[in-house]
Amino acid sequence: MLLYTSYLIKVKPKRTNIEAVAVPFTEIAKKLGNEQVLNMVALGAYYELKKTINLNIVLNETLPNLLIGDKATYIKINKEAIQAGIDYIKRNLFK
């Protein structure tokens, strides 16, 4: 699977041996108010497509353990970004 940002890449990849999914990671992150969380948007999109990540551990253990001290204020926006990626896939790929 290839997840790519539709913000930068306007032409769908020609390869037929992989599934390619365009997601506007940058635009979604900007709407959340922080372009730096586009990687978390991508994580949410990937999770919704593949379900190979234990999302509960990411949300309740990994983020709180990585974002400590002053960085703890970023836990909320990272969780929102993951959810935004999930929501985008649900709305646009599974109609």
N, C-alpha and C. Protein backbone atom coordinates (compact mmCIF):
# COMPACT_ATOMS: atom_id res chain seq x y z
N MET A 1 0.84 -1.17 0.00
CA MET A 1 0.00 0.00 0.00
C MET A 1 0.88 1.24 0.00
N LEU A 2 0.46 2.20 -0.79
CA LEU A 2 1.14 3.48 -0.87
C LEU A 2 0.14 4.58 -0.51
N LEU A 3 0.38 5.22 0.61
CA LEU A 3 -0.40 6.41 0.98
C LEU A 3 0.42 7.61 0.54
N TYR A 4 -0.20 8.52 -0.17
CA TYR A 4 0.53 9.70 -0.61
C TYR A 4 -0.33 10.94 -0.47
N THR A 5 0.34 12.07 -0.34
CA THR A 5 -0.37 13.32 -0.13
C THR A 5 -0.86 13.90 -1.44
N SER A 6 -2.13 14.09 -1.53
CA SER A 6 -2.72 14.67 -2.74
C SER A 6 -2.41 16.16 -2.85
N TYR A 7 -1.89 16.74 -1.79
CA TYR A 7 -1.51 18.15 -1.80
C TYR A 7 -0.29 18.38 -2.70
N LEU A 8 0.65 17.45 -2.66
CA LEU A 8 1.88 17.59 -3.43
C LEU A 8 1.90 16.77 -4.72
N ILE A 9 1.23 15.65 -4.71
CA ILE A 9 1.25 14.74 -5.85
C ILE A 9 -0.13 14.74 -6.50
N LYS A 10 -0.20 15.29 -7.68
CA LYS A 10 -1.49 15.47 -8.36
C LYS A 10 -1.83 14.31 -9.30
N VAL A 11 -0.83 13.52 -9.67
CA VAL A 11 -1.05 12.42 -10.62
C VAL A 11 -0.97 11.10 -9.86
N LYS A 12 -2.00 10.28 -10.01
CA LYS A 12 -2.01 8.98 -9.34
C LYS A 12 -0.87 8.12 -9.87
N PRO A 13 -0.15 7.43 -8.97
CA PRO A 13 0.94 6.55 -9.41
C PRO A 13 0.43 5.52 -10.41
N LYS A 14 1.28 5.19 -11.37
CA LYS A 14 0.89 4.27 -12.45
C LYS A 14 1.07 2.81 -12.08
N ARG A 15 1.77 2.53 -11.02
CA ARG A 15 2.00 1.13 -10.64
C ARG A 15 0.68 0.44 -10.37
N THR A 16 0.57 -0.77 -10.84
CA THR A 16 -0.66 -1.54 -10.64
C THR A 16 -0.48 -2.67 -9.63
N ASN A 17 0.73 -2.88 -9.18
CA ASN A 17 0.98 -3.98 -8.25
C ASN A 17 0.84 -3.57 -6.78
N ILE A 18 0.48 -2.32 -6.54
CA ILE A 18 0.22 -1.85 -5.18
C ILE A 18 -1.04 -0.99 -5.17
N GLU A 19 -1.66 -0.93 -4.03
CA GLU A 19 -2.82 -0.05 -3.86
C GLU A 19 -2.29 1.34 -3.49
N ALA A 20 -2.69 2.34 -4.25
CA ALA A 20 -2.27 3.71 -3.98
C ALA A 20 -3.48 4.53 -3.53
N VAL A 21 -3.34 5.20 -2.42
CA VAL A 21 -4.44 5.98 -1.85
C VAL A 21 -3.96 7.41 -1.61
N ALA A 22 -4.64 8.36 -2.23
CA ALA A 22 -4.32 9.78 -2.05
C ALA A 22 -5.13 10.34 -0.89
N VAL A 23 -4.45 11.01 0.00
CA VAL A 23 -5.10 11.64 1.15
C VAL A 23 -4.53 13.05 1.29
N PRO A 24 -5.37 14.05 1.50
CA PRO A 24 -4.86 15.42 1.65
C PRO A 24 -4.33 15.67 3.07
N PHE A 25 -3.25 14.98 3.41
CA PHE A 25 -2.68 15.08 4.76
C PHE A 25 -2.43 16.52 5.17
N THR A 26 -1.81 17.28 4.29
CA THR A 26 -1.43 18.65 4.62
C THR A 26 -2.66 19.51 4.91
N GLU A 27 -3.66 19.41 4.05
CA GLU A 27 -4.88 20.22 4.24
C GLU A 27 -5.59 19.86 5.54
N ILE A 28 -5.66 18.56 5.83
CA ILE A 28 -6.32 18.12 7.07
C ILE A 28 -5.56 18.67 8.28
N ALA A 29 -4.23 18.55 8.26
CA ALA A 29 -3.42 19.05 9.37
C ALA A 29 -3.57 20.56 9.53
N LYS A 30 -3.61 21.28 8.41
CA LYS A 30 -3.80 22.73 8.48
C LYS A 30 -5.14 23.08 9.12
N LYS A 31 -6.19 22.33 8.78
CA LYS A 31 -7.51 22.58 9.37
C LYS A 31 -7.48 22.37 10.88
N LEU A 32 -6.62 21.47 11.33
CA LEU A 32 -6.48 21.23 12.77
C LEU A 32 -5.64 22.32 13.44
N GLY A 33 -4.97 23.13 12.62
CA GLY A 33 -4.18 24.23 13.17
C GLY A 33 -2.70 23.96 13.33
N ASN A 34 -2.23 22.80 12.86
CA ASN A 34 -0.81 22.49 13.01
C ASN A 34 -0.38 21.54 11.90
N GLU A 35 0.29 22.08 10.91
CA GLU A 35 0.72 21.29 9.76
C GLU A 35 1.69 20.17 10.15
N GLN A 36 2.33 20.31 11.28
CA GLN A 36 3.31 19.32 11.72
C GLN A 36 2.69 17.98 12.11
N VAL A 37 1.37 17.92 12.28
CA VAL A 37 0.74 16.65 12.65
C VAL A 37 0.27 15.85 11.44
N LEU A 38 0.72 16.24 10.25
CA LEU A 38 0.27 15.50 9.07
C LEU A 38 0.70 14.03 9.13
N ASN A 39 1.79 13.74 9.82
CA ASN A 39 2.19 12.34 9.97
C ASN A 39 1.18 11.55 10.80
N MET A 40 0.56 12.20 11.76
CA MET A 40 -0.46 11.54 12.57
C MET A 40 -1.75 11.35 11.77
N VAL A 41 -2.05 12.29 10.89
CA VAL A 41 -3.18 12.12 9.96
C VAL A 41 -2.92 10.88 9.11
N ALA A 42 -1.69 10.74 8.64
CA ALA A 42 -1.32 9.57 7.83
C ALA A 42 -1.45 8.29 8.64
N LEU A 43 -1.05 8.32 9.89
CA LEU A 43 -1.18 7.15 10.75
C LEU A 43 -2.64 6.75 10.91
N GLY A 44 -3.50 7.73 11.12
CA GLY A 44 -4.93 7.43 11.25
C GLY A 44 -5.51 6.85 9.97
N ALA A 45 -5.12 7.40 8.84
CA ALA A 45 -5.59 6.88 7.55
C ALA A 45 -5.11 5.45 7.35
N TYR A 46 -3.83 5.22 7.64
CA TYR A 46 -3.28 3.87 7.49
C TYR A 46 -4.01 2.89 8.41
N TYR A 47 -4.23 3.31 9.65
CA TYR A 47 -4.94 2.44 10.60
C TYR A 47 -6.31 2.05 10.04
N GLU A 48 -7.06 3.02 9.55
CA GLU A 48 -8.41 2.75 9.06
C GLU A 48 -8.39 1.81 7.85
N LEU A 49 -7.36 1.90 7.05
CA LEU A 49 -7.26 1.04 5.86
C LEU A 49 -6.80 -0.37 6.19
N LYS A 50 -5.88 -0.51 7.13
CA LYS A 50 -5.24 -1.81 7.36
C LYS A 50 -5.55 -2.45 8.71
N LYS A 51 -5.89 -1.68 9.71
CA LYS A 51 -6.20 -2.20 11.05
C LYS A 51 -5.07 -3.07 11.62
N THR A 52 -3.83 -2.73 11.29
CA THR A 52 -2.70 -3.53 11.77
C THR A 52 -1.98 -2.89 12.95
N ILE A 53 -2.49 -1.78 13.42
CA ILE A 53 -1.90 -1.06 14.54
C ILE A 53 -2.86 -1.15 15.71
N ASN A 54 -2.33 -1.33 16.90
CA ASN A 54 -3.18 -1.30 18.09
C ASN A 54 -3.37 0.17 18.46
N LEU A 55 -4.47 0.73 18.00
CA LEU A 55 -4.73 2.15 18.18
C LEU A 55 -4.85 2.53 19.65
N ASN A 56 -5.40 1.66 20.46
CA ASN A 56 -5.53 1.92 21.88
C ASN A 56 -4.16 2.16 22.53
N ILE A 57 -3.18 1.34 22.15
CA ILE A 57 -1.83 1.51 22.69
C ILE A 57 -1.22 2.82 22.21
N VAL A 58 -1.39 3.14 20.93
CA VAL A 58 -0.85 4.39 20.40
C VAL A 58 -1.42 5.58 21.16
N LEU A 59 -2.74 5.60 21.31
CA LEU A 59 -3.41 6.75 21.92
C LEU A 59 -3.18 6.87 23.42
N ASN A 60 -3.18 5.74 24.11
CA ASN A 60 -3.16 5.78 25.57
C ASN A 60 -1.82 5.44 26.22
N GLU A 61 -0.88 4.90 25.43
CA GLU A 61 0.42 4.58 25.99
C GLU A 61 1.57 5.26 25.23
N THR A 62 1.62 5.06 23.92
CA THR A 62 2.76 5.57 23.15
C THR A 62 2.83 7.10 23.19
N LEU A 63 1.74 7.77 22.80
CA LEU A 63 1.77 9.24 22.80
C LEU A 63 2.08 9.82 24.18
N PRO A 64 1.39 9.37 25.24
CA PRO A 64 1.71 9.93 26.56
C PRO A 64 3.14 9.64 27.03
N ASN A 65 3.70 8.51 26.58
CA ASN A 65 5.07 8.18 26.98
C ASN A 65 6.12 8.95 26.18
N LEU A 66 5.80 9.31 24.95
CA LEU A 66 6.74 10.05 24.11
C LEU A 66 6.64 11.56 24.31
N LEU A 67 5.43 12.04 24.48
CA LEU A 67 5.21 13.49 24.60
C LEU A 67 5.08 13.85 26.08
N ILE A 68 6.22 14.07 26.70
CA ILE A 68 6.24 14.35 28.13
C ILE A 68 6.76 15.77 28.37
N GLY A 69 6.56 16.24 29.56
CA GLY A 69 7.01 17.60 29.90
C GLY A 69 6.25 18.63 29.09
N ASP A 70 6.99 19.57 28.51
CA ASP A 70 6.38 20.63 27.70
C ASP A 70 5.66 20.07 26.48
N LYS A 71 6.12 18.93 25.98
CA LYS A 71 5.53 18.34 24.78
C LYS A 71 4.17 17.69 25.05
N ALA A 72 3.83 17.50 26.30
CA ALA A 72 2.55 16.86 26.64
C ALA A 72 1.36 17.65 26.10
N THR A 73 1.55 18.93 25.86
CA THR A 73 0.46 19.75 25.32
C THR A 73 0.10 19.33 23.89
N TYR A 74 0.98 18.56 23.24
CA TYR A 74 0.72 18.12 21.86
C TYR A 74 -0.03 16.80 21.78
N ILE A 75 -0.29 16.16 22.90
CA ILE A 75 -1.02 14.88 22.88
C ILE A 75 -2.39 15.06 22.26
N LYS A 76 -3.12 16.07 22.68
CA LYS A 76 -4.48 16.29 22.19
C LYS A 76 -4.52 16.47 20.67
N ILE A 77 -3.69 17.33 20.12
CA ILE A 77 -3.70 17.59 18.68
C ILE A 77 -3.27 16.36 17.90
N ASN A 78 -2.35 15.57 18.45
CA ASN A 78 -1.94 14.34 17.78
C ASN A 78 -3.08 13.34 17.74
N LYS A 79 -3.82 13.23 18.83
CA LYS A 79 -4.99 12.34 18.85
C LYS A 79 -6.05 12.83 17.87
N GLU A 80 -6.26 14.13 17.82
CA GLU A 80 -7.23 14.69 16.87
C GLU A 80 -6.80 14.43 15.43
N ALA A 81 -5.51 14.50 15.17
CA ALA A 81 -5.00 14.26 13.82
C ALA A 81 -5.19 12.81 13.41
N ILE A 82 -4.93 11.89 14.32
CA ILE A 82 -5.16 10.47 14.04
C ILE A 82 -6.63 10.25 13.71
N GLN A 83 -7.50 10.82 14.52
CA GLN A 83 -8.94 10.66 14.28
C GLN A 83 -9.35 11.29 12.96
N ALA A 84 -8.76 12.41 12.61
CA ALA A 84 -9.08 13.07 11.34
C ALA A 84 -8.69 12.19 10.16
N GLY A 85 -7.57 11.49 10.26
CA GLY A 85 -7.17 10.57 9.20
C GLY A 85 -8.13 9.41 9.08
N ILE A 86 -8.56 8.88 10.20
CA ILE A 86 -9.56 7.80 10.22
C ILE A 86 -10.85 8.29 9.58
N ASP A 87 -11.30 9.44 10.00
CA ASP A 87 -12.56 10.00 9.49
C ASP A 87 -12.50 10.25 7.99
N TYR A 88 -11.37 10.74 7.51
CA TYR A 88 -11.24 11.00 6.07
C TYR A 88 -11.43 9.71 5.27
N ILE A 89 -10.78 8.66 5.69
CA ILE A 89 -10.90 7.38 4.98
C ILE A 89 -12.33 6.88 5.05
N LYS A 90 -12.95 6.95 6.21
CA LYS A 90 -14.35 6.49 6.35
C LYS A 90 -15.28 7.27 5.42
N ARG A 91 -15.10 8.57 5.34
CA ARG A 91 -15.98 9.41 4.52
C ARG A 91 -15.73 9.27 3.02
N ASN A 92 -14.49 9.04 2.64
CA ASN A 92 -14.15 9.13 1.23
C ASN A 92 -13.86 7.80 0.54
N LEU A 93 -13.50 6.79 1.29
CA LEU A 93 -13.20 5.52 0.65
C LEU A 93 -14.22 4.44 0.94
N PHE A 94 -14.99 4.60 1.98
CA PHE A 94 -15.96 3.57 2.36
C PHE A 94 -17.37 4.12 2.37
N LYS A 95 -17.78 4.71 1.27
CA LYS A 95 -19.13 5.27 1.16
C LYS A 95 -20.13 4.17 0.89
